[in-house]
Protein backbone atom coordinates (compact mmCIF):
# COMPACT_ATOMS: atom_id res chain seq x y z
CA PHE A 1 -31.26 4.03 -32.79
CA GLU A 2 -29.39 4.52 -36.04
CA HIS A 3 -26.78 1.99 -37.16
CA PRO A 4 -23.37 3.43 -37.94
CA LYS A 5 -22.57 3.86 -41.59
CA ILE A 6 -19.97 1.43 -42.94
CA VAL A 7 -17.14 3.36 -44.50
CA PRO A 8 -14.26 1.66 -46.33
CA LEU A 9 -10.78 2.26 -44.96
CA PRO A 10 -8.57 4.60 -46.96
CA LYS A 11 -5.71 3.22 -49.01
CA PRO A 12 -2.44 2.85 -47.04
CA LEU A 13 -0.32 6.00 -47.00
CA THR A 14 2.79 3.97 -47.75
CA SER A 15 3.58 0.74 -49.55
CA SER A 16 5.47 -0.44 -46.46
CA SER A 17 2.30 -0.75 -44.39
CA PHE A 18 2.06 -3.72 -41.99
CA GLU A 19 -1.67 -4.26 -42.63
CA LYS A 20 -1.05 -7.88 -43.67
CA GLY A 21 1.04 -8.67 -40.61
CA HIS A 22 0.29 -11.85 -38.69
CA TYR A 23 1.73 -14.40 -36.32
CA TYR A 24 3.80 -17.07 -38.07
CA ASP A 25 4.05 -20.38 -36.25
CA VAL A 26 7.39 -21.15 -34.57
CA SER A 27 7.13 -24.76 -35.76
CA LYS A 28 7.92 -23.51 -39.30
CA ALA A 29 11.54 -22.86 -38.29
CA HIS A 30 14.29 -25.39 -38.96
CA TYR A 31 16.43 -25.51 -35.82
CA ASP A 32 19.40 -27.42 -34.45
CA LYS A 33 19.54 -29.73 -31.41
CA ASP A 34 20.12 -26.78 -29.05
CA TRP A 35 16.50 -25.61 -29.48
CA SER A 36 13.37 -27.14 -27.98
CA LEU A 37 9.78 -26.69 -29.07
CA VAL A 38 8.02 -26.62 -25.69
CA SER A 39 4.27 -27.22 -25.87
CA ARG A 40 3.36 -25.32 -22.66
CA TRP A 41 6.27 -23.12 -21.57
CA THR A 42 6.53 -21.92 -17.97
CA PRO A 43 9.58 -20.27 -16.39
CA ALA A 44 11.85 -22.58 -14.41
CA ASN A 45 13.01 -19.65 -12.26
CA ARG A 46 9.44 -18.69 -11.22
CA GLN A 47 9.96 -15.15 -12.49
CA PRO A 48 6.56 -13.46 -13.15
CA THR A 49 5.03 -13.63 -16.63
CA ARG A 50 2.23 -12.03 -18.63
CA GLU A 51 -1.01 -13.82 -19.53
CA GLY A 52 -0.95 -15.15 -23.08
CA PHE A 53 2.82 -15.67 -22.93
CA VAL A 54 2.93 -18.58 -20.50
CA ASN A 55 1.54 -22.11 -20.91
CA VAL A 56 1.73 -21.60 -24.68
CA PRO A 57 3.97 -23.23 -27.32
CA MET A 58 7.41 -21.66 -27.44
CA LEU A 59 10.66 -22.27 -29.29
CA THR A 60 13.39 -21.99 -26.65
CA THR A 61 17.11 -22.27 -26.12
CA GLU A 62 19.55 -21.30 -23.42
CA ASN A 63 22.60 -22.38 -25.41
CA GLU A 64 25.25 -20.18 -26.95
CA GLY A 65 25.66 -21.14 -30.61
CA ALA A 66 22.09 -22.40 -31.08
CA SER A 67 20.91 -21.60 -34.59
CA LEU A 68 17.74 -21.70 -36.64
CA VAL A 69 16.56 -20.87 -40.13
CA LEU A 70 13.07 -19.60 -40.92
CA PRO A 71 11.82 -19.59 -44.49
CA PHE A 72 9.04 -17.02 -45.02
CA LYS A 73 7.34 -15.00 -47.73
CA GLY A 74 6.63 -11.32 -47.31
CA ASN A 75 8.12 -7.86 -46.96
CA ALA A 76 8.74 -7.80 -43.20
CA VAL A 77 9.73 -10.24 -40.46
CA GLY A 78 10.06 -10.11 -36.71
CA MET A 79 9.42 -12.12 -33.59
CA ALA A 80 7.49 -12.02 -30.35
CA ILE A 81 9.78 -13.14 -27.53
CA ILE A 82 9.86 -13.49 -23.78
CA SER A 83 12.71 -11.47 -22.26
CA GLY A 84 13.52 -12.62 -18.72
CA ASN A 85 16.51 -12.18 -16.44
CA ASP A 86 18.47 -14.71 -18.51
CA ALA A 87 17.78 -13.19 -21.95
CA GLY A 88 20.73 -13.48 -24.30
CA THR A 89 21.97 -11.77 -27.43
CA ILE A 90 21.37 -12.99 -30.96
CA THR A 91 22.89 -12.36 -34.33
CA TYR A 92 20.56 -12.53 -37.30
CA ARG A 93 20.42 -11.92 -41.01
CA ILE A 94 17.88 -12.02 -43.78
CA ASP A 95 18.87 -13.95 -46.89
CA ASN A 96 22.61 -13.42 -47.46
CA GLY A 97 22.77 -10.01 -45.77
CA SER A 98 25.22 -9.03 -43.08
CA PHE A 99 24.68 -10.39 -39.57
CA LYS A 100 23.28 -7.85 -37.11
CA THR A 101 23.45 -8.14 -33.32
CA LEU A 102 20.46 -7.74 -31.03
CA ASP A 103 20.43 -7.78 -27.21
CA LEU A 104 17.19 -9.44 -26.05
CA TYR A 105 17.59 -8.20 -22.45
CA THR A 106 15.42 -5.17 -21.58
CA GLU A 107 15.47 -2.74 -18.68
CA TRP A 108 12.57 -4.74 -17.14
CA SER A 109 14.00 -8.23 -17.75
CA TYR A 110 15.42 -8.49 -14.23
CA MET A 111 11.91 -8.57 -12.74
CA LEU A 112 9.72 -10.53 -15.20
CA HIS A 113 9.55 -12.55 -18.40
CA LEU A 114 8.44 -9.59 -20.51
CA PRO A 115 6.62 -10.12 -23.83
CA TYR A 116 8.57 -8.16 -26.39
CA TYR A 117 7.91 -7.66 -30.12
CA ILE A 118 10.92 -7.10 -32.36
CA LEU A 119 10.98 -6.10 -36.03
CA LEU A 120 14.03 -7.71 -37.66
CA GLY A 121 13.50 -6.59 -41.24
CA SER A 122 11.10 -4.42 -43.21
CA ASN A 123 10.78 -2.95 -46.71
CA LEU A 124 11.97 -6.29 -48.07
CA PRO A 125 11.07 -7.32 -51.62
CA ASP A 126 7.73 -9.15 -51.37
CA ARG A 127 9.04 -12.65 -52.11
CA HIS A 128 10.46 -15.72 -50.36
CA HIS A 129 13.24 -15.05 -47.82
CA THR A 130 15.30 -16.84 -45.20
CA LEU A 131 15.84 -15.52 -41.67
CA THR A 132 18.86 -16.97 -39.86
CA ILE A 133 19.23 -16.55 -36.08
CA LYS A 134 22.21 -17.57 -33.92
CA VAL A 135 22.55 -17.17 -30.16
CA SER A 136 25.69 -15.17 -29.42
CA GLY A 137 28.15 -15.88 -26.62
CA LYS A 138 28.17 -12.18 -25.82
CA LYS A 139 25.42 -11.05 -23.48
CA ASN A 140 24.17 -8.08 -21.57
CA PRO A 141 26.21 -7.70 -18.33
CA ASN A 142 22.93 -7.72 -16.35
CA SER A 143 21.73 -10.99 -17.88
CA LYS A 144 22.11 -14.34 -16.13
CA GLY A 145 22.20 -16.38 -19.35
CA ASN A 146 21.88 -16.76 -23.11
CA ALA A 147 18.16 -17.53 -23.41
CA CYS A 148 16.11 -16.91 -26.52
CA ARG A 149 12.41 -17.75 -26.18
CA ILE A 150 10.29 -17.19 -29.29
CA VAL A 151 6.51 -17.25 -28.87
CA HIS A 152 5.68 -16.25 -32.45
CA PHE A 153 7.43 -15.14 -35.57
CA LEU A 154 5.85 -12.10 -37.22
CA VAL A 155 5.43 -11.85 -41.00
CA ASN A 156 3.82 -9.24 -43.23
CA ASP A 157 2.74 -10.78 -46.52
């Protein structure tokens, strides 16, 4: 039996590679009273979930107007969320940029709390930044609420 030869990986094809991407703890966010850091989240509505995204720490809100600020360093930021039948809509911006709107409800949200990874910004200058998120009062017509449930932030540094 011959051991495989160790070969170094090639250099990234682009400088905007996500090879240094990692989970960034939700406890690093600064949030208002409308958010809760739940140590072992489970759905109150008994909607099905996916293993690894239940009974884990989660930053949650169901309140319109809830806001948070996340300081981070890197060239990309995103979040891993749970998108159930009550998923809301957020507005967000990086640093002092314009607010963008994002509907967290998916085509599968009516039947389960779906793990969902979202890239909010990429190709950023590799330095310190601030992500601001606000829960909007507008929501998908199929959604039953304004929930935002963040399992992890995602950062590439």
